[in-house]
Amino acid sequence: MQAVTERLRSFLQYVAVKLIDEPGKAQLKVAELGPKRLRFKLVLAQADVAMLIGRNGFTASAIRSILKAAADKEGVQIQLQIHSHEEEAELQARGEAY
C-alpha cells in the first residue's frame, strides 16, 4: 500500500505544483482511512486554493478524476480535499482536522 500511496502522492504533488503560484507554502497530507482507503489533503495559500479549484470547480474535478482513475487501477479508494491554511487552522481549532 505504501508504494501505491507514494505514487499517488507524487502525481498529485506534481500536478498541484504546476498549477499554483506559491508551491513553497503548499502542504500535502495523507491519511490512511482503512484498508485501501486514502484521503489526500492539499493545504494551500488562499489565492492558490481558488486557482486549483478553478472556475465552477472544473480544475479540481479534473484532478480528482485523474487521481481516482489512477487509484482505481490499484484498487484503492481516495478522497481529495483542498483547503487554505486559514481553513485548516479553523478545522484544527474545532478538532476536525486529522
PDB file of N, CA and C in Angstrom:
ATOM      1  N   MET A   1       0.833  -1.203   0.000  1.00  0.00           N
ATOM      2  CA  MET A   1       0.000   0.000   0.000  1.00  0.00           C
ATOM      3  C   MET A   1       0.871   1.258   0.000  1.00  0.00           C
ATOM      4  N   GLN A   2       2.020   1.180   0.637  1.00  0.00           N
ATOM      5  CA  GLN A   2       2.878   2.354   0.739  1.00  0.00           C
ATOM      6  C   GLN A   2       3.394   2.797  -0.632  1.00  0.00           C
ATOM      7  N   ALA A   3       3.710   1.840  -1.497  1.00  0.00           N
ATOM      8  CA  ALA A   3       4.191   2.187  -2.840  1.00  0.00           C
ATOM      9  C   ALA A   3       3.093   2.883  -3.642  1.00  0.00           C
ATOM     10  N   VAL A   4       1.869   2.387  -3.526  1.00  0.00           N
ATOM     11  CA  VAL A   4       0.729   2.997  -4.220  1.00  0.00           C
ATOM     12  C   VAL A   4       0.494   4.405  -3.688  1.00  0.00           C
ATOM     13  N   THR A   5       0.516   4.547  -2.382  1.00  0.00           N
ATOM     14  CA  THR A   5       0.321   5.856  -1.754  1.00  0.00           C
ATOM     15  C   THR A   5       1.372   6.842  -2.246  1.00  0.00           C
ATOM     16  N   GLU A   6       2.612   6.402  -2.322  1.00  0.00           N
ATOM     17  CA  GLU A   6       3.695   7.285  -2.752  1.00  0.00           C
ATOM     18  C   GLU A   6       3.539   7.688  -4.220  1.00  0.00           C
ATOM     19  N   ARG A   7       3.111   6.766  -5.074  1.00  0.00           N
ATOM     20  CA  ARG A   7       2.892   7.107  -6.485  1.00  0.00           C
ATOM     21  C   ARG A   7       1.768   8.136  -6.636  1.00  0.00           C
ATOM     22  N   LEU A   8       0.670   7.916  -5.925  1.00  0.00           N
ATOM     23  CA  LEU A   8      -0.453   8.861  -5.997  1.00  0.00           C
ATOM     24  C   LEU A   8      -0.048  10.219  -5.427  1.00  0.00           C
ATOM     25  N   ARG A   9       0.703  10.190  -4.336  1.00  0.00           N
ATOM     26  CA  ARG A   9       1.179  11.425  -3.710  1.00  0.00           C
ATOM     27  C   ARG A   9       2.082  12.199  -4.678  1.00  0.00           C
ATOM     28  N   SER A  10       3.001  11.497  -5.323  1.00  0.00           N
ATOM     29  CA  SER A  10       3.917  12.148  -6.265  1.00  0.00           C
ATOM     30  C   SER A  10       3.162  12.766  -7.433  1.00  0.00           C
ATOM     31  N   PHE A  11       2.174  12.043  -7.943  1.00  0.00           N
ATOM     32  CA  PHE A  11       1.375  12.573  -9.046  1.00  0.00           C
ATOM     33  C   PHE A  11       0.658  13.846  -8.631  1.00  0.00           C
ATOM     34  N   LEU A  12      -0.031  13.786  -7.492  1.00  0.00           N
ATOM     35  CA  LEU A  12      -0.791  14.940  -7.025  1.00  0.00           C
ATOM     36  C   LEU A  12       0.126  16.124  -6.754  1.00  0.00           C
ATOM     37  N   GLN A  13       1.262  15.862  -6.162  1.00  0.00           N
ATOM     38  CA  GLN A  13       2.217  16.923  -5.871  1.00  0.00           C
ATOM     39  C   GLN A  13       2.708  17.571  -7.171  1.00  0.00           C
ATOM     40  N   TYR A  14       3.014  16.765  -8.167  1.00  0.00           N
ATOM     41  CA  TYR A  14       3.487  17.270  -9.457  1.00  0.00           C
ATOM     42  C   TYR A  14       2.443  18.182 -10.098  1.00  0.00           C
ATOM     43  N   VAL A  15       1.208  17.718 -10.148  1.00  0.00           N
ATOM     44  CA  VAL A  15       0.133  18.492 -10.779  1.00  0.00           C
ATOM     45  C   VAL A  15      -0.120  19.787 -10.018  1.00  0.00           C
ATOM     46  N   ALA A  16      -0.228  19.698  -8.710  1.00  0.00           N
ATOM     47  CA  ALA A  16      -0.539  20.880  -7.902  1.00  0.00           C
ATOM     48  C   ALA A  16       0.541  21.949  -8.026  1.00  0.00           C
ATOM     49  N   VAL A  17       1.800  21.539  -7.984  1.00  0.00           N
ATOM     50  CA  VAL A  17       2.907  22.497  -8.058  1.00  0.00           C
ATOM     51  C   VAL A  17       2.894  23.242  -9.392  1.00  0.00           C
ATOM     52  N   LYS A  18       2.494  22.574 -10.446  1.00  0.00           N
ATOM     53  CA  LYS A  18       2.461  23.209 -11.775  1.00  0.00           C
ATOM     54  C   LYS A  18       1.330  24.223 -11.908  1.00  0.00           C
ATOM     55  N   LEU A  19       0.297  24.108 -11.082  1.00  0.00           N
ATOM     56  CA  LEU A  19      -0.890  24.959 -11.232  1.00  0.00           C
ATOM     57  C   LEU A  19      -0.977  26.118 -10.244  1.00  0.00           C
ATOM     58  N   ILE A  20      -0.129  26.131  -9.228  1.00  0.00           N
ATOM     59  CA  ILE A  20      -0.237  27.172  -8.201  1.00  0.00           C
ATOM     60  C   ILE A  20       0.934  28.146  -8.270  1.00  0.00           C
ATOM     61  N   ASP A  21       0.748  29.310  -7.661  1.00  0.00           N
ATOM     62  CA  ASP A  21       1.774  30.354  -7.665  1.00  0.00           C
ATOM     63  C   ASP A  21       2.767  30.230  -6.516  1.00  0.00           C
ATOM     64  N   GLU A  22       2.333  29.677  -5.389  1.00  0.00           N
ATOM     65  CA  GLU A  22       3.194  29.608  -4.210  1.00  0.00           C
ATOM     66  C   GLU A  22       3.384  28.163  -3.743  1.00  0.00           C
ATOM     67  N   PRO A  23       4.140  27.358  -4.510  1.00  0.00           N
ATOM     68  CA  PRO A  23       4.315  25.959  -4.121  1.00  0.00           C
ATOM     69  C   PRO A  23       5.075  25.789  -2.805  1.00  0.00           C
ATOM     70  N   GLY A  24       5.861  26.779  -2.422  1.00  0.00           N
ATOM     71  CA  GLY A  24       6.597  26.702  -1.159  1.00  0.00           C
ATOM     72  C   GLY A  24       5.685  26.702   0.053  1.00  0.00           C
ATOM     73  N   LYS A  25       4.480  27.199  -0.093  1.00  0.00           N
ATOM     74  CA  LYS A  25       3.522  27.251   1.015  1.00  0.00           C
ATOM     75  C   LYS A  25       2.565  26.055   1.009  1.00  0.00           C
ATOM     76  N   ALA A  26       2.694  25.202   0.007  1.00  0.00           N
ATOM     77  CA  ALA A  26       1.775  24.065  -0.123  1.00  0.00           C
ATOM     78  C   ALA A  26       2.186  22.922   0.801  1.00  0.00           C
ATOM     79  N   GLN A  27       1.193  22.275   1.378  1.00  0.00           N
ATOM     80  CA  GLN A  27       1.400  21.083   2.190  1.00  0.00           C
ATOM     81  C   GLN A  27       0.475  20.000   1.650  1.00  0.00           C
ATOM     82  N   LEU A  28       0.989  18.790   1.576  1.00  0.00           N
ATOM     83  CA  LEU A  28       0.176  17.655   1.156  1.00  0.00           C
ATOM     84  C   LEU A  28       0.168  16.656   2.297  1.00  0.00           C
ATOM     85  N   LYS A  29      -1.021  16.416   2.834  1.00  0.00           N
ATOM     86  CA  LYS A  29      -1.178  15.486   3.948  1.00  0.00           C
ATOM     87  C   LYS A  29      -1.909  14.248   3.444  1.00  0.00           C
ATOM     88  N   VAL A  30      -1.480  13.095   3.927  1.00  0.00           N
ATOM     89  CA  VAL A  30      -2.093  11.835   3.532  1.00  0.00           C
ATOM     90  C   VAL A  30      -2.527  11.096   4.785  1.00  0.00           C
ATOM     91  N   ALA A  31      -3.748  10.594   4.766  1.00  0.00           N
ATOM     92  CA  ALA A  31      -4.252   9.786   5.886  1.00  0.00           C
ATOM     93  C   ALA A  31      -4.799   8.479   5.324  1.00  0.00           C
ATOM     94  N   GLU A  32      -4.450   7.396   5.983  1.00  0.00           N
ATOM     95  CA  GLU A  32      -4.990   6.098   5.609  1.00  0.00           C
ATOM     96  C   GLU A  32      -6.253   5.890   6.427  1.00  0.00           C
ATOM     97  N   LEU A  33      -7.394   5.847   5.752  1.00  0.00           N
ATOM     98  CA  LEU A  33      -8.687   5.742   6.426  1.00  0.00           C
ATOM     99  C   LEU A  33      -9.083   4.299   6.707  1.00  0.00           C
ATOM    100  N   GLY A  34      -8.431   3.393   6.072  1.00  0.00           N
ATOM    101  CA  GLY A  34      -8.735   1.977   6.226  1.00  0.00           C
ATOM    102  C   GLY A  34      -7.966   1.212   5.184  1.00  0.00           C
ATOM    103  N   PRO A  35      -8.227  -0.086   5.088  1.00  0.00           N
ATOM    104  CA  PRO A  35      -7.528  -0.849   4.057  1.00  0.00           C
ATOM    105  C   PRO A  35      -7.943  -0.355   2.665  1.00  0.00           C
ATOM    106  N   LYS A  36      -6.942   0.047   1.912  1.00  0.00           N
ATOM    107  CA  LYS A  36      -7.159   0.528   0.539  1.00  0.00           C
ATOM    108  C   LYS A  36      -8.070   1.753   0.462  1.00  0.00           C
ATOM    109  N   ARG A  37      -8.026   2.613   1.502  1.00  0.00           N
ATOM    110  CA  ARG A  37      -8.773   3.881   1.507  1.00  0.00           C
ATOM    111  C   ARG A  37      -7.843   4.988   1.974  1.00  0.00           C
ATOM    112  N   LEU A  38      -7.682   6.011   1.141  1.00  0.00           N
ATOM    113  CA  LEU A  38      -6.779   7.116   1.448  1.00  0.00           C
ATOM    114  C   LEU A  38      -7.502   8.457   1.330  1.00  0.00           C
ATOM    115  N   ARG A  39      -7.021   9.413   2.129  1.00  0.00           N
ATOM    116  CA  ARG A  39      -7.501  10.793   1.998  1.00  0.00           C
ATOM    117  C   ARG A  39      -6.274  11.679   1.804  1.00  0.00           C
ATOM    118  N   PHE A  40      -6.291  12.446   0.736  1.00  0.00           N
ATOM    119  CA  PHE A  40      -5.253  13.431   0.475  1.00  0.00           C
ATOM    120  C   PHE A  40      -5.832  14.800   0.785  1.00  0.00           C
ATOM    121  N   LYS A  41      -5.046  15.608   1.466  1.00  0.00           N
ATOM    122  CA  LYS A  41      -5.482  16.969   1.769  1.00  0.00           C
ATOM    123  C   LYS A  41      -4.388  17.933   1.328  1.00  0.00           C
ATOM    124  N   LEU A  42      -4.729  18.821   0.411  1.00  0.00           N
ATOM    125  CA  LEU A  42      -3.831  19.876  -0.026  1.00  0.00           C
ATOM    126  C   LEU A  42      -4.155  21.131   0.766  1.00  0.00           C
ATOM    127  N   VAL A  43      -3.168  21.667   1.451  1.00  0.00           N
ATOM    128  CA  VAL A  43      -3.336  22.901   2.213  1.00  0.00           C
ATOM    129  C   VAL A  43      -2.477  23.947   1.513  1.00  0.00           C
ATOM    130  N   LEU A  44      -3.150  24.992   1.018  1.00  0.00           N
ATOM    131  CA  LEU A  44      -2.501  25.968   0.143  1.00  0.00           C
ATOM    132  C   LEU A  44      -2.749  27.401   0.603  1.00  0.00           C
ATOM    133  N   ALA A  45      -2.018  28.327   0.003  1.00  0.00           N
ATOM    134  CA  ALA A  45      -2.302  29.754   0.189  1.00  0.00           C
ATOM    135  C   ALA A  45      -3.698  30.027  -0.372  1.00  0.00           C
ATOM    136  N   GLN A  46      -4.396  30.986   0.195  1.00  0.00           N
ATOM    137  CA  GLN A  46      -5.792  31.270  -0.200  1.00  0.00           C
ATOM    138  C   GLN A  46      -5.944  31.493  -1.701  1.00  0.00           C
ATOM    139  N   ALA A  47      -5.062  32.270  -2.306  1.00  0.00           N
ATOM    140  CA  ALA A  47      -5.165  32.537  -3.743  1.00  0.00           C
ATOM    141  C   ALA A  47      -4.957  31.259  -4.560  1.00  0.00           C
ATOM    142  N   ASP A  48      -4.096  30.382  -4.066  1.00  0.00           N
ATOM    143  CA  ASP A  48      -3.839  29.125  -4.770  1.00  0.00           C
ATOM    144  C   ASP A  48      -5.024  28.172  -4.687  1.00  0.00           C
ATOM    145  N   VAL A  49      -5.786  28.247  -3.599  1.00  0.00           N
ATOM    146  CA  VAL A  49      -6.979  27.403  -3.472  1.00  0.00           C
ATOM    147  C   VAL A  49      -7.940  27.729  -4.609  1.00  0.00           C
ATOM    148  N   ALA A  50      -8.183  29.013  -4.817  1.00  0.00           N
ATOM    149  CA  ALA A  50      -9.093  29.434  -5.885  1.00  0.00           C
ATOM    150  C   ALA A  50      -8.564  28.996  -7.250  1.00  0.00           C
ATOM    151  N   MET A  51      -7.254  29.099  -7.439  1.00  0.00           N
ATOM    152  CA  MET A  51      -6.660  28.722  -8.712  1.00  0.00           C
ATOM    153  C   MET A  51      -6.777  27.211  -8.950  1.00  0.00           C
ATOM    154  N   LEU A  52      -6.528  26.424  -7.916  1.00  0.00           N
ATOM    155  CA  LEU A  52      -6.556  24.973  -8.067  1.00  0.00           C
ATOM    156  C   LEU A  52      -7.978  24.445  -8.211  1.00  0.00           C
ATOM    157  N   ILE A  53      -8.923  25.070  -7.549  1.00  0.00           N
ATOM    158  CA  ILE A  53     -10.312  24.646  -7.690  1.00  0.00           C
ATOM    159  C   ILE A  53     -10.835  25.040  -9.063  1.00  0.00           C
ATOM    160  N   GLY A  54     -10.476  26.215  -9.516  1.00  0.00           N
ATOM    161  CA  GLY A  54     -10.851  26.643 -10.863  1.00  0.00           C
ATOM    162  C   GLY A  54     -12.276  27.158 -10.931  1.00  0.00           C
ATOM    163  N   ARG A  55     -12.618  27.676 -12.075  1.00  0.00           N
ATOM    164  CA  ARG A  55     -13.955  28.212 -12.293  1.00  0.00           C
ATOM    165  C   ARG A  55     -14.972  27.081 -12.221  1.00  0.00           C
ATOM    166  N   ASN A  56     -15.963  27.257 -11.382  1.00  0.00           N
ATOM    167  CA  ASN A  56     -17.022  26.260 -11.171  1.00  0.00           C
ATOM    168  C   ASN A  56     -16.484  24.897 -10.729  1.00  0.00           C
ATOM    169  N   GLY A  57     -15.262  24.859 -10.216  1.00  0.00           N
ATOM    170  CA  GLY A  57     -14.700  23.610  -9.709  1.00  0.00           C
ATOM    171  C   GLY A  57     -14.191  22.661 -10.772  1.00  0.00           C
ATOM    172  N   PHE A  58     -14.071  23.135 -12.014  1.00  0.00           N
ATOM    173  CA  PHE A  58     -13.684  22.251 -13.104  1.00  0.00           C
ATOM    174  C   PHE A  58     -12.257  21.721 -12.967  1.00  0.00           C
ATOM    175  N   THR A  59     -11.329  22.563 -12.526  1.00  0.00           N
ATOM    176  CA  THR A  59      -9.941  22.116 -12.400  1.00  0.00           C
ATOM    177  C   THR A  59      -9.821  21.052 -11.315  1.00  0.00           C
ATOM    178  N   ALA A  60     -10.414  21.306 -10.158  1.00  0.00           N
ATOM    179  CA  ALA A  60     -10.369  20.326  -9.071  1.00  0.00           C
ATOM    180  C   ALA A  60     -11.057  19.032  -9.481  1.00  0.00           C
ATOM    181  N   SER A  61     -12.144  19.143 -10.196  1.00  0.00           N
ATOM    182  CA  SER A  61     -12.863  17.961 -10.661  1.00  0.00           C
ATOM    183  C   SER A  61     -12.002  17.130 -11.608  1.00  0.00           C
ATOM    184  N   ALA A  62     -11.288  17.788 -12.495  1.00  0.00           N
ATOM    185  CA  ALA A  62     -10.410  17.084 -13.427  1.00  0.00           C
ATOM    186  C   ALA A  62      -9.279  16.386 -12.676  1.00  0.00           C
ATOM    187  N   ILE A  63      -8.693  17.070 -11.699  1.00  0.00           N
ATOM    188  CA  ILE A  63      -7.615  16.466 -10.899  1.00  0.00           C
ATOM    189  C   ILE A  63      -8.150  15.254 -10.147  1.00  0.00           C
ATOM    190  N   ARG A  64      -9.317  15.405  -9.546  1.00  0.00           N
ATOM    191  CA  ARG A  64      -9.919  14.276  -8.810  1.00  0.00           C
ATOM    192  C   ARG A  64     -10.192  13.090  -9.734  1.00  0.00           C
ATOM    193  N   SER A  65     -10.671  13.360 -10.937  1.00  0.00           N
ATOM    194  CA  SER A  65     -10.976  12.289 -11.891  1.00  0.00           C
ATOM    195  C   SER A  65      -9.721  11.505 -12.270  1.00  0.00           C
ATOM    196  N   ILE A  66      -8.652  12.209 -12.560  1.00  0.00           N
ATOM    197  CA  ILE A  66      -7.409  11.534 -12.937  1.00  0.00           C
ATOM    198  C   ILE A  66      -6.835  10.772 -11.742  1.00  0.00           C
ATOM    199  N   LEU A  67      -6.858  11.393 -10.575  1.00  0.00           N
ATOM    200  CA  LEU A  67      -6.358  10.735  -9.367  1.00  0.00           C
ATOM    201  C   LEU A  67      -7.187   9.492  -9.055  1.00  0.00           C
ATOM    202  N   LYS A  68      -8.495   9.595  -9.216  1.00  0.00           N
ATOM    203  CA  LYS A  68      -9.380   8.458  -8.962  1.00  0.00           C
ATOM    204  C   LYS A  68      -9.102   7.325  -9.944  1.00  0.00           C
ATOM    205  N   ALA A  69      -8.873   7.668 -11.204  1.00  0.00           N
ATOM    206  CA  ALA A  69      -8.576   6.640 -12.212  1.00  0.00           C
ATOM    207  C   ALA A  69      -7.282   5.907 -11.864  1.00  0.00           C
ATOM    208  N   ALA A  70      -6.276   6.646 -11.442  1.00  0.00           N
ATOM    209  CA  ALA A  70      -5.010   6.021 -11.052  1.00  0.00           C
ATOM    210  C   ALA A  70      -5.195   5.144  -9.818  1.00  0.00           C
ATOM    211  N   ALA A  71      -5.995   5.605  -8.865  1.00  0.00           N
ATOM    212  CA  ALA A  71      -6.239   4.839  -7.639  1.00  0.00           C
ATOM    213  C   ALA A  71      -7.076   3.594  -7.935  1.00  0.00           C
ATOM    214  N   ASP A  72      -8.085   3.738  -8.788  1.00  0.00           N
ATOM    215  CA  ASP A  72      -8.929   2.597  -9.155  1.00  0.00           C
ATOM    216  C   ASP A  72      -8.100   1.485  -9.783  1.00  0.00           C
ATOM    217  N   LYS A  73      -7.119   1.853 -10.571  1.00  0.00           N
ATOM    218  CA  LYS A  73      -6.236   0.877 -11.209  1.00  0.00           C
ATOM    219  C   LYS A  73      -5.530   0.021 -10.158  1.00  0.00           C
ATOM    220  N   GLU A  74      -5.271   0.610  -9.001  1.00  0.00           N
ATOM    221  CA  GLU A  74      -4.596  -0.088  -7.902  1.00  0.00           C
ATOM    222  C   GLU A  74      -5.587  -0.668  -6.900  1.00  0.00           C
ATOM    223  N   GLY A  75      -6.892  -0.467  -7.129  1.00  0.00           N
ATOM    224  CA  GLY A  75      -7.902  -0.982  -6.215  1.00  0.00           C
ATOM    225  C   GLY A  75      -8.019  -0.178  -4.932  1.00  0.00           C
ATOM    226  N   VAL A  76      -7.703   1.110  -5.011  1.00  0.00           N
ATOM    227  CA  VAL A  76      -7.702   1.989  -3.837  1.00  0.00           C
ATOM    228  C   VAL A  76      -8.784   3.052  -4.003  1.00  0.00           C
ATOM    229  N   GLN A  77      -9.492   3.347  -2.916  1.00  0.00           N
ATOM    230  CA  GLN A  77     -10.460   4.454  -2.909  1.00  0.00           C
ATOM    231  C   GLN A  77      -9.765   5.681  -2.338  1.00  0.00           C
ATOM    232  N   ILE A  78     -10.032   6.840  -2.943  1.00  0.00           N
ATOM    233  CA  ILE A  78      -9.384   8.062  -2.469  1.00  0.00           C
ATOM    234  C   ILE A  78     -10.365   9.203  -2.322  1.00  0.00           C
ATOM    235  N   GLN A  79      -9.975  10.151  -1.490  1.00  0.00           N
ATOM    236  CA  GLN A  79     -10.669  11.426  -1.352  1.00  0.00           C
ATOM    237  C   GLN A  79      -9.612  12.510  -1.507  1.00  0.00           C
ATOM    238  N   LEU A  80      -9.981  13.629  -2.087  1.00  0.00           N
ATOM    239  CA  LEU A  80      -9.082  14.772  -2.190  1.00  0.00           C
ATOM    240  C   LEU A  80      -9.798  15.987  -1.628  1.00  0.00           C
ATOM    241  N   GLN A  81      -9.181  16.604  -0.631  1.00  0.00           N
ATOM    242  CA  GLN A  81      -9.701  17.839  -0.045  1.00  0.00           C
ATOM    243  C   GLN A  81      -8.697  18.950  -0.325  1.00  0.00           C
ATOM    244  N   ILE A  82      -9.201  20.131  -0.615  1.00  0.00           N
ATOM    245  CA  ILE A  82      -8.345  21.290  -0.884  1.00  0.00           C
ATOM    246  C   ILE A  82      -8.771  22.396   0.073  1.00  0.00           C
ATOM    247  N   HIS A  83      -7.825  22.839   0.906  1.00  0.00           N
ATOM    248  CA  HIS A  83      -8.101  23.863   1.922  1.00  0.00           C
ATOM    249  C   HIS A  83      -7.023  24.934   1.890  1.00  0.00           C
ATOM    250  N   SER A  84      -7.368  26.105   2.392  1.00  0.00           N
ATOM    251  CA  SER A  84      -6.362  27.145   2.621  1.00  0.00           C
ATOM    252  C   SER A  84      -5.771  26.912   4.010  1.00  0.00           C
ATOM    253  N   HIS A  85      -4.666  27.553   4.287  1.00  0.00           N
ATOM    254  CA  HIS A  85      -4.057  27.446   5.615  1.00  0.00           C
ATOM    255  C   HIS A  85      -5.014  27.966   6.686  1.00  0.00           C
ATOM    256  N   GLU A  86      -5.780  29.003   6.349  1.00  0.00           N
ATOM    257  CA  GLU A  86      -6.735  29.565   7.303  1.00  0.00           C
ATOM    258  C   GLU A  86      -7.857  28.566   7.612  1.00  0.00           C
ATOM    259  N   GLU A  87      -8.379  27.922   6.576  1.00  0.00           N
ATOM    260  CA  GLU A  87      -9.435  26.921   6.784  1.00  0.00           C
ATOM    261  C   GLU A  87      -8.904  25.746   7.601  1.00  0.00           C
ATOM    262  N   GLU A  88      -7.675  25.351   7.330  1.00  0.00           N
ATOM    263  CA  GLU A  88      -7.070  24.238   8.063  1.00  0.00           C
ATOM    264  C   GLU A  88      -6.907  24.592   9.546  1.00  0.00           C
ATOM    265  N   ALA A  89      -6.503  25.834   9.827  1.00  0.00           N
ATOM    266  CA  ALA A  89      -6.361  26.278  11.214  1.00  0.00           C
ATOM    267  C   ALA A  89      -7.705  26.248  11.930  1.00  0.00           C
ATOM    268  N   GLU A  90      -8.772  26.664  11.237  1.00  0.00           N
ATOM    269  CA  GLU A  90     -10.117  26.617  11.823  1.00  0.00           C
ATOM    270  C   GLU A  90     -10.530  25.182  12.128  1.00  0.00           C
ATOM    271  N   LEU A  91     -10.274  24.285  11.185  1.00  0.00           N
ATOM    272  CA  LEU A  91     -10.617  22.876  11.394  1.00  0.00           C
ATOM    273  C   LEU A  91      -9.852  22.291  12.575  1.00  0.00           C
ATOM    274  N   GLN A  92      -8.577  22.639  12.685  1.00  0.00           N
ATOM    275  CA  GLN A  92      -7.777  22.142  13.807  1.00  0.00           C
ATOM    276  C   GLN A  92      -8.287  22.706  15.126  1.00  0.00           C
ATOM    277  N   ALA A  93      -8.691  23.982  15.128  1.00  0.00           N
ATOM    278  CA  ALA A  93      -9.207  24.598  16.351  1.00  0.00           C
ATOM    279  C   ALA A  93     -10.490  23.920  16.812  1.00  0.00           C
ATOM    280  N   ARG A  94     -11.279  23.444  15.857  1.00  0.00           N
ATOM    281  CA  ARG A  94     -12.512  22.743  16.202  1.00  0.00           C
ATOM    282  C   ARG A  94     -12.294  21.257  16.433  1.00  0.00           C
ATOM    283  N   GLY A  95     -11.062  20.803  16.197  1.00  0.00           N
ATOM    284  CA  GLY A  95     -10.741  19.400  16.408  1.00  0.00           C
ATOM    285  C   GLY A  95     -11.194  18.496  15.270  1.00  0.00           C
ATOM    286  N   GLU A  96     -11.394  19.061  14.073  1.00  0.00           N
ATOM    287  CA  GLU A  96     -11.891  18.292  12.948  1.00  0.00           C
ATOM    288  C   GLU A  96     -10.803  17.886  11.963  1.00  0.00           C
ATOM    289  N   ALA A  97      -9.579  18.399  12.116  1.00  0.00           N
ATOM    290  CA  ALA A  97      -8.517  18.058  11.174  1.00  0.00           C
ATOM    291  C   ALA A  97      -7.840  16.765  11.626  1.00  0.00           C
ATOM    292  N   TYR A  98      -7.244  16.075  10.682  1.00  0.00           N
ATOM    293  CA  TYR A  98      -6.515  14.855  11.044  1.00  0.00           C
ATOM    294  C   TYR A  98      -5.052  15.111  11.115  1.00  0.00           C
TER     295      TYR A  98
END
